[in-house]
């Protein structure tokens, strides 16, 4: 079996000297060095990678989104007595949040003949740094209308940053009556795996009045999307220099250190926990005559052909959280097996939809580029049409 690239290979005198040299150079040349690095006068590492993967028009939209996000301030609230947090209503140039606390315009009463789809998910669903019209749900609605012009489709975006299946399920139970959906989709998996790595099979406890927001929503931690240009360029330079010294890892391998022994048990336990949660929420809505689809969303760690940018980002991630990449890949694969082996609810595995490309799909290692979001929307529309025609998703393996 091929061994994975080991993070500890960089811990050599040459490695430390190279990193130190990179630091010194960037401190000396400051803004001049940043221009040489082609950061396009953008402010952080996300912007650096966006400059390499987005078109000019897409970059401009991303910059507007980031500025609007920063101007929104502390943009989420907890829902006491539940495990939920939601966004505060806001209308900006690049995105809007409705009164229910989710992305998009106000939800209108369902029209006769309308086929309404609610997509619950994480930040890939909400569309981080994507304008309203470029998100997966919005692109899915557009694709469905193109394929079936005689039908009136509405696809609603119920994505929230860092939502897992626990929270998405709770949000769907809370709001389904006012949404009045014909189909509910849970597009998840990545956050669930990350939480398994951090917490094991942790169950969220309801918020109480006065509880703090999750860290990603606190004003001092998250509202300034674009951080220090110099410091972020330093991190990129040092990590990428270290990555270069390990040698390029080929497409059949994943940059990462071994799974820590204390996390190994979660690889066995968590996939069954996730599958049980999927079965529970599907059964809940089946009893209410609302079909559901459990969609296992794409992840960089299980993409067959990683681009150089994706490899570098995942390498840097493993520097901060040793073992997370291999844990994510192995845990997600087992989750797929557990979910797709069930026959009493509809499920689809979308982890392979980008396997035929070595282009950058996950611009920051997690979120989809606008072009990738469009591809994901096409694939999702195919799943929806299949459910409408047969009452089930694609054939399970």
Protein backbone atom coordinates (compact mmCIF):
# COMPACT_ATOMS: atom_id res chain seq x y z
CA UNK A 1 0.00 0.00 0.00
CA UNK A 2 1.34 3.41 -0.93
CA UNK A 3 2.34 5.48 2.07
CA UNK A 4 0.93 8.93 2.49
CA UNK A 5 3.11 12.01 2.46
CA UNK A 6 4.18 12.55 6.06
CA UNK A 7 3.98 15.95 7.62
CA UNK A 8 6.98 15.19 9.82
CA UNK A 9 9.16 15.10 6.71
CA UNK A 10 9.32 18.89 6.78
CA UNK A 11 10.87 18.93 10.25
CA UNK A 12 14.44 19.14 8.96
CA UNK A 13 17.10 21.87 9.23
CA UNK A 14 16.57 22.63 5.58
CA UNK A 15 12.85 22.97 6.18
CA UNK A 16 13.25 25.41 9.05
CA UNK A 17 15.83 27.42 7.13
CA UNK A 18 13.56 27.65 4.10
CA UNK A 19 10.61 28.72 6.21
CA UNK A 20 12.72 31.28 8.05
CA UNK A 21 14.04 32.63 4.77
CA UNK A 22 10.51 32.99 3.44
CA UNK A 23 9.48 34.88 6.57
CA UNK A 24 12.45 37.19 6.34
CA UNK A 25 11.86 37.94 2.68
CA UNK A 26 8.23 38.80 3.22
CA UNK A 27 8.92 41.04 6.18
CA UNK A 28 11.65 42.84 4.25
CA UNK A 29 9.77 43.36 1.01
CA UNK A 30 6.26 43.68 2.52
CA UNK A 31 3.82 45.13 -0.03
CA UNK A 32 6.30 44.80 -2.90
CA UNK A 33 6.64 41.08 -2.25
CA UNK A 34 2.88 40.72 -2.19
CA UNK A 35 2.55 42.28 -5.61
CA UNK A 36 5.20 39.90 -6.93
CA UNK A 37 3.12 37.04 -5.51
CA UNK A 38 0.23 38.18 -7.74
CA UNK A 39 -2.24 38.65 -4.92
CA UNK A 40 -4.09 41.14 -7.10
CA UNK A 41 -4.39 43.64 -4.25
CA UNK A 42 -6.74 41.31 -2.38
CA UNK A 43 -6.56 40.88 1.34
CA UNK A 44 -6.34 37.25 2.47
CA UNK A 45 -5.57 33.67 1.54
CA UNK A 46 -9.10 33.00 0.26
CA UNK A 47 -8.67 35.95 -2.06
CA UNK A 48 -5.28 34.59 -3.11
CA UNK A 49 -6.79 31.29 -4.19
CA UNK A 50 -9.83 32.98 -5.70
CA UNK A 51 -7.47 35.01 -7.86
CA UNK A 52 -6.18 31.70 -9.25
CA UNK A 53 -9.53 29.96 -9.77
CA UNK A 54 -12.25 32.59 -10.39
CA UNK A 55 -12.82 34.60 -13.55
CA UNK A 56 -12.57 38.37 -13.33
CA UNK A 57 -16.35 38.73 -13.07
CA UNK A 58 -16.52 35.97 -10.44
CA UNK A 59 -13.74 37.64 -8.41
CA UNK A 60 -15.60 40.93 -8.46
CA UNK A 61 -18.71 39.22 -7.13
CA UNK A 62 -16.68 37.50 -4.41
CA UNK A 63 -15.15 40.81 -3.35
CA UNK A 64 -18.60 42.40 -3.11
CA UNK A 65 -19.85 39.43 -1.09
CA UNK A 66 -16.93 39.73 1.33
CA UNK A 67 -17.44 43.47 1.79
CA UNK A 68 -21.16 42.99 2.35
CA UNK A 69 -20.45 40.19 4.82
CA UNK A 70 -18.05 42.39 6.77
CA UNK A 71 -20.52 45.26 6.85
CA UNK A 72 -23.19 42.93 8.27
CA UNK A 73 -21.30 42.73 11.57
CA UNK A 74 -22.35 40.02 14.03
CA UNK A 75 -24.71 38.35 11.62
CA UNK A 76 -26.22 35.36 13.46
CA UNK A 77 -28.42 34.70 16.48
CA UNK A 78 -29.09 31.62 18.57
CA UNK A 79 -32.59 30.18 18.90
CA UNK A 80 -33.00 29.53 22.65
CA UNK A 81 -34.50 26.16 23.52
CA UNK A 82 -33.18 24.63 20.29
CA UNK A 83 -29.79 23.57 18.93
CA UNK A 84 -30.16 26.13 16.12
CA UNK A 85 -28.51 29.39 15.20
CA UNK A 86 -29.66 31.40 12.20
CA UNK A 87 -28.73 34.55 10.32
CA UNK A 88 -30.15 37.97 11.01
CA UNK A 89 -32.33 39.32 8.19
CA UNK A 90 -30.40 41.60 5.85
CA UNK A 91 -30.43 42.80 2.27
CA UNK A 92 -27.12 43.65 0.59
CA UNK A 93 -25.90 44.07 -2.97
CA UNK A 94 -24.63 40.49 -3.21
CA UNK A 95 -26.80 38.46 -0.84
CA UNK A 96 -30.01 38.60 1.14
CA UNK A 97 -31.26 36.87 4.29
CA UNK A 98 -34.98 36.50 4.81
CA UNK A 99 -37.02 36.79 8.00
CA UNK A 100 -36.70 33.05 8.70
CA UNK A 101 -32.95 33.56 8.93
CA UNK A 102 -31.93 31.81 5.70
CA UNK A 103 -30.51 32.93 2.40
CA UNK A 104 -32.79 34.40 -0.23
CA UNK A 105 -35.84 36.62 -0.54
CA UNK A 106 -38.93 36.26 1.61
CA UNK A 107 -40.70 32.94 1.12
CA UNK A 108 -44.05 33.44 -0.58
CA UNK A 109 -47.18 31.26 -0.30
CA UNK A 110 -46.94 28.32 -2.67
CA UNK A 111 -48.68 28.84 -5.99
CA UNK A 112 -50.91 26.25 -7.66
CA UNK A 113 -48.75 23.81 -9.61
CA UNK A 114 -45.54 24.95 -7.98
CA UNK A 115 -43.02 22.22 -7.13
CA UNK A 116 -41.13 23.50 -4.10
CA UNK A 117 -37.78 22.10 -2.98
CA UNK A 118 -36.01 23.01 0.27
CA UNK A 119 -32.26 22.37 0.40
CA UNK A 120 -30.80 22.19 3.91
CA UNK A 121 -27.04 22.14 4.22
CA UNK A 122 -23.83 23.83 5.30
CA UNK A 123 -21.74 26.63 3.82
CA UNK A 124 -21.43 24.85 0.46
CA UNK A 125 -25.21 25.08 0.21
CA UNK A 126 -25.46 28.69 1.30
CA UNK A 127 -22.67 29.47 -1.17
CA UNK A 128 -19.71 31.06 0.58
CA UNK A 129 -18.46 34.06 -1.47
CA UNK A 130 -21.06 33.34 -4.17
CA UNK A 131 -23.79 35.79 -5.14
CA UNK A 132 -27.40 34.69 -4.61
CA UNK A 133 -27.84 33.65 -8.24
CA UNK A 134 -24.64 31.55 -8.26
CA UNK A 135 -25.39 29.20 -5.34
CA UNK A 136 -26.13 25.52 -5.89
CA UNK A 137 -29.86 25.87 -5.01
CA UNK A 138 -30.28 28.87 -7.32
CA UNK A 139 -28.45 27.14 -10.16
CA UNK A 140 -30.49 23.98 -9.55
CA UNK A 141 -33.74 25.91 -9.94
CA UNK A 142 -32.47 27.42 -13.18
CA UNK A 143 -31.44 23.99 -14.49
CA UNK A 144 -34.77 22.38 -13.56
CA UNK A 145 -36.68 25.15 -15.33
CA UNK A 146 -34.50 24.64 -18.40
CA UNK A 147 -35.05 20.89 -18.45
CA UNK A 148 -38.75 20.99 -17.63
CA UNK A 149 -40.05 24.36 -18.87
CA UNK A 150 -43.66 23.32 -18.37
CA UNK A 151 -43.15 23.00 -14.59
CA UNK A 152 -42.94 25.77 -12.00
CA UNK A 153 -39.95 25.02 -9.77
CA UNK A 154 -38.79 26.86 -6.68
CA UNK A 155 -35.59 25.78 -4.92
CA UNK A 156 -35.08 27.38 -1.52
CA UNK A 157 -31.67 27.76 0.13
CA UNK A 158 -31.58 26.69 3.79
CA UNK A 159 -27.82 26.43 4.13
CA UNK A 160 -26.11 27.70 7.29
CA UNK A 161 -22.40 27.81 7.98
CA UNK A 162 -21.21 24.83 10.06
CA UNK A 163 -24.61 23.12 10.03
CA UNK A 164 -24.45 19.35 10.33
CA UNK A 165 -27.25 16.81 9.89
CA UNK A 166 -28.34 17.28 13.52
CA UNK A 167 -28.94 20.99 13.09
CA UNK A 168 -30.26 20.77 9.54
CA UNK A 169 -32.78 18.15 10.68
CA UNK A 170 -33.89 20.34 13.59
CA UNK A 171 -34.30 23.34 11.26
CA UNK A 172 -36.37 21.29 8.81
CA UNK A 173 -38.65 20.04 11.60
CA UNK A 174 -39.10 23.60 12.86
CA UNK A 175 -39.93 25.23 9.54
CA UNK A 176 -41.42 22.63 7.21
CA UNK A 177 -45.03 23.69 7.73
CA UNK A 178 -44.41 27.30 6.71
CA UNK A 179 -42.11 26.19 3.87
CA UNK A 180 -44.67 23.70 2.52
CA UNK A 181 -42.10 21.73 0.47
CA UNK A 182 -42.72 18.97 -2.05
CA UNK A 183 -39.18 17.65 -1.51
CA UNK A 184 -36.58 18.20 1.21
CA UNK A 185 -32.89 17.70 0.43
CA UNK A 186 -30.19 17.39 3.08
CA UNK A 187 -26.86 18.15 1.38
CA UNK A 188 -24.32 17.40 4.10
CA UNK A 189 -21.47 15.25 5.32
CA UNK A 190 -18.34 17.40 5.46
CA UNK A 191 -19.18 19.32 8.62
CA UNK A 192 -20.40 16.13 10.26
CA UNK A 193 -17.01 14.50 9.67
CA UNK A 194 -15.14 17.53 11.00
CA UNK A 195 -17.24 17.49 14.15
CA UNK A 196 -16.58 13.78 14.53
CA UNK A 197 -12.86 14.57 14.40
CA UNK A 198 -13.18 17.33 17.01
CA UNK A 199 -15.90 15.91 19.27
CA UNK A 200 -16.62 12.28 18.43
CA UNK A 201 -20.31 11.41 18.26
CA UNK A 202 -21.24 14.56 20.14
CA UNK A 203 -24.91 15.54 20.38
CA UNK A 204 -25.64 19.24 20.52
CA UNK A 205 -27.45 20.58 23.57
CA UNK A 206 -30.11 23.30 23.24
CA UNK A 207 -29.02 26.91 23.57
CA UNK A 208 -30.15 28.91 26.57
CA UNK A 209 -30.77 32.64 26.75
CA UNK A 210 -27.46 34.48 26.84
CA UNK A 211 -25.39 31.63 25.40
CA UNK A 212 -22.63 32.86 23.09
CA UNK A 213 -22.72 32.31 19.36
CA UNK A 214 -20.51 29.61 17.87
CA UNK A 215 -17.00 31.02 17.32
CA UNK A 216 -17.37 31.39 13.55
CA UNK A 217 -20.08 34.02 14.06
CA UNK A 218 -18.48 36.14 16.75
CA UNK A 219 -17.66 39.59 15.55
CA UNK A 220 -14.01 39.48 16.55
CA UNK A 221 -13.49 36.14 14.79
CA UNK A 222 -15.48 36.02 11.62
CA UNK A 223 -16.99 39.20 10.25
CA UNK A 224 -13.75 40.41 8.73
CA UNK A 225 -13.43 37.89 5.93
CA UNK A 226 -10.33 39.50 4.45
CA UNK A 227 -7.56 39.62 7.04
CA UNK A 228 -3.99 40.88 7.06
CA UNK A 229 -2.52 40.71 3.58
CA UNK A 230 1.04 40.31 4.84
CA UNK A 231 0.35 37.68 7.50
CA UNK A 232 -1.77 35.55 5.21
CA UNK A 233 0.80 35.75 2.44
CA UNK A 234 3.40 34.65 4.97
CA UNK A 235 1.36 31.60 5.91
CA UNK A 236 0.89 30.69 2.27
CA UNK A 237 4.58 31.13 1.47
CA UNK A 238 5.88 29.12 4.43
CA UNK A 239 3.40 26.27 4.05
CA UNK A 240 3.86 26.04 0.31
CA UNK A 241 7.64 26.03 0.68
CA UNK A 242 7.31 23.15 3.12
CA UNK A 243 4.94 21.39 0.76
CA UNK A 244 7.40 21.69 -2.11
CA UNK A 245 10.12 20.04 -0.03
CA UNK A 246 8.02 16.94 0.56
CA UNK A 247 7.76 16.42 -3.18
CA UNK A 248 4.59 16.45 -5.25
CA UNK A 249 2.10 13.81 -4.11
CA UNK A 250 0.44 12.06 -7.01
CA UNK A 251 -3.28 11.88 -7.71
CA UNK A 252 -3.73 8.53 -5.98
CA UNK A 253 -2.61 9.88 -2.64
CA UNK A 254 -3.68 12.51 -0.14
CA UNK A 255 -1.36 14.88 1.71
CA UNK A 256 -1.65 14.17 5.39
CA UNK A 257 -0.27 12.66 8.54
CA UNK A 258 -1.71 9.47 10.13
CA UNK A 259 -4.98 9.54 12.05
CA UNK A 260 -4.21 10.09 15.76
CA UNK A 261 -4.82 6.89 17.77
CA UNK A 262 -7.37 8.61 19.99
CA UNK A 263 -9.47 9.43 16.89
CA UNK A 264 -9.36 5.97 15.34
CA UNK A 265 -12.42 4.69 17.22
CA UNK A 266 -14.55 7.43 15.68
CA UNK A 267 -13.79 6.03 12.23
CA UNK A 268 -15.64 2.90 13.34
CA UNK A 269 -18.46 4.53 15.27
CA UNK A 270 -19.42 7.73 13.49
CA UNK A 271 -20.50 6.46 10.04
CA UNK A 272 -23.24 4.39 11.68
CA UNK A 273 -24.28 7.40 13.78
CA UNK A 274 -24.60 9.56 10.66
CA UNK A 275 -26.56 6.87 8.80
CA UNK A 276 -28.90 6.54 11.79
CA UNK A 277 -29.54 10.29 11.77
CA UNK A 278 -30.24 10.17 8.03
CA UNK A 279 -32.71 7.35 8.51
CA UNK A 280 -34.43 9.14 11.40
CA UNK A 281 -35.05 12.40 9.56
CA UNK A 282 -36.12 10.61 6.39
CA UNK A 283 -38.60 8.56 8.43
CA UNK A 284 -39.91 11.69 10.15
CA UNK A 285 -40.89 13.29 6.85
CA UNK A 286 -42.02 10.06 5.25
CA UNK A 287 -44.64 9.88 7.98
CA UNK A 288 -45.77 13.34 6.83
CA UNK A 289 -45.84 12.40 3.15
CA UNK A 290 -42.86 14.60 2.27
CA UNK A 291 -40.10 12.84 0.31
CA UNK A 292 -36.49 13.50 1.26
CA UNK A 293 -33.11 13.04 -0.35
CA UNK A 294 -29.91 12.54 1.67
CA UNK A 295 -27.19 13.98 -0.53
CA UNK A 296 -23.58 13.22 0.39
CA UNK A 297 -21.88 16.36 -0.84
CA UNK A 298 -18.47 16.54 -2.55
CA UNK A 299 -15.32 16.85 -0.42
CA UNK A 300 -11.78 17.63 -1.47
CA UNK A 301 -10.38 14.73 0.56
CA UNK A 302 -12.24 12.16 -1.53
CA UNK A 303 -11.77 13.82 -4.93
CA UNK A 304 -9.87 11.43 -7.17
CA UNK A 305 -7.67 13.96 -8.97
CA UNK A 306 -6.62 16.83 -6.72
CA UNK A 307 -5.27 19.97 -8.33
CA UNK A 308 -1.97 21.37 -7.12
CA UNK A 309 -3.84 24.16 -5.34
CA UNK A 310 -6.14 21.68 -3.58
CA UNK A 311 -3.15 19.58 -2.51
CA UNK A 312 -1.36 22.61 -1.11
CA UNK A 313 -4.42 23.73 0.83
CA UNK A 314 -5.01 20.27 2.29
CA UNK A 315 -1.35 20.02 3.20
CA UNK A 316 -1.56 23.30 5.06
CA UNK A 317 -4.74 22.14 6.79
CA UNK A 318 -2.96 19.05 8.05
CA UNK A 319 -0.17 21.20 9.44
CA UNK A 320 -2.74 22.79 11.75
CA UNK A 321 -4.79 19.64 12.45
CA UNK A 322 -2.57 16.58 11.99
CA UNK A 323 -4.53 13.60 10.75
CA UNK A 324 -7.69 15.42 9.72
CA UNK A 325 -7.39 14.74 5.98
CA UNK A 326 -7.00 10.98 6.25
CA UNK A 327 -9.65 10.86 8.98
CA UNK A 328 -12.04 12.79 6.74
CA UNK A 329 -11.45 10.58 3.73
CA UNK A 330 -11.80 7.27 5.56
CA UNK A 331 -14.75 8.38 7.70
CA UNK A 332 -16.61 9.83 4.72
CA UNK A 333 -16.12 6.69 2.65
CA UNK A 334 -17.59 4.59 5.45
CA UNK A 335 -20.49 7.04 5.82
CA UNK A 336 -21.21 6.62 2.12
CA UNK A 337 -21.25 2.83 2.44
CA UNK A 338 -23.59 2.97 5.44
CA UNK A 339 -26.00 5.46 3.89
CA UNK A 340 -26.06 3.95 0.41
CA UNK A 341 -26.69 0.46 1.79
CA UNK A 342 -29.99 1.63 3.29
CA UNK A 343 -33.09 0.92 1.23
CA UNK A 344 -35.82 2.70 3.15
CA UNK A 345 -34.86 6.24 2.19
CA UNK A 346 -33.52 8.00 -0.91
CA UNK A 347 -29.81 8.82 -0.90
CA UNK A 348 -27.23 9.90 -3.46
CA UNK A 349 -23.45 9.91 -3.38
CA UNK A 350 -22.09 13.01 -5.10
CA UNK A 351 -18.50 12.60 -3.97
CA UNK A 352 -17.42 11.39 -7.41
CA UNK A 353 -18.96 14.12 -9.57
CA UNK A 354 -15.61 15.93 -9.90
CA UNK A 355 -13.40 12.86 -10.23
CA UNK A 356 -12.85 13.41 -13.95
CA UNK A 357 -11.14 16.78 -13.51
CA UNK A 358 -7.82 17.84 -12.04
CA UNK A 359 -8.89 21.48 -12.04
CA UNK A 360 -9.47 23.29 -8.76
CA UNK A 361 -13.02 22.66 -7.60
CA UNK A 362 -12.62 23.56 -3.90
CA UNK A 363 -11.02 27.00 -4.05
CA UNK A 364 -10.19 27.05 -0.33
CA UNK A 365 -10.16 23.29 0.21
CA UNK A 366 -13.85 23.26 1.18
CA UNK A 367 -16.10 25.60 -0.81
CA UNK A 368 -17.02 25.29 -4.46
CA UNK A 369 -15.95 27.64 -7.22
CA UNK A 370 -18.83 29.20 -9.17
CA UNK A 371 -18.20 26.81 -12.08
CA UNK A 372 -18.16 23.82 -9.73
CA UNK A 373 -21.40 25.01 -8.10
CA UNK A 374 -23.00 25.01 -11.54
CA UNK A 375 -21.81 21.44 -12.17
CA UNK A 376 -23.14 20.35 -8.76
CA UNK A 377 -26.48 21.96 -9.60
CA UNK A 378 -26.74 20.02 -12.86
CA UNK A 379 -26.11 16.76 -11.00
CA UNK A 380 -28.61 17.68 -8.29
CA UNK A 381 -31.28 18.50 -10.86
CA UNK A 382 -30.82 15.02 -12.30
CA UNK A 383 -31.44 13.53 -8.85
CA UNK A 384 -34.57 15.61 -8.40
CA UNK A 385 -36.00 14.63 -11.77
CA UNK A 386 -35.33 10.98 -10.97
CA UNK A 387 -37.23 11.30 -7.69
CA UNK A 388 -40.13 13.03 -9.45
CA UNK A 389 -40.31 10.28 -12.05
CA UNK A 390 -39.70 7.19 -9.94
CA UNK A 391 -39.99 8.21 -6.29
CA UNK A 392 -36.38 7.25 -5.65
CA UNK A 393 -32.87 8.57 -6.31
CA UNK A 394 -30.22 7.02 -8.50
CA UNK A 395 -29.72 3.29 -8.13
CA UNK A 396 -27.71 2.43 -5.04
CA UNK A 397 -24.60 0.34 -5.16
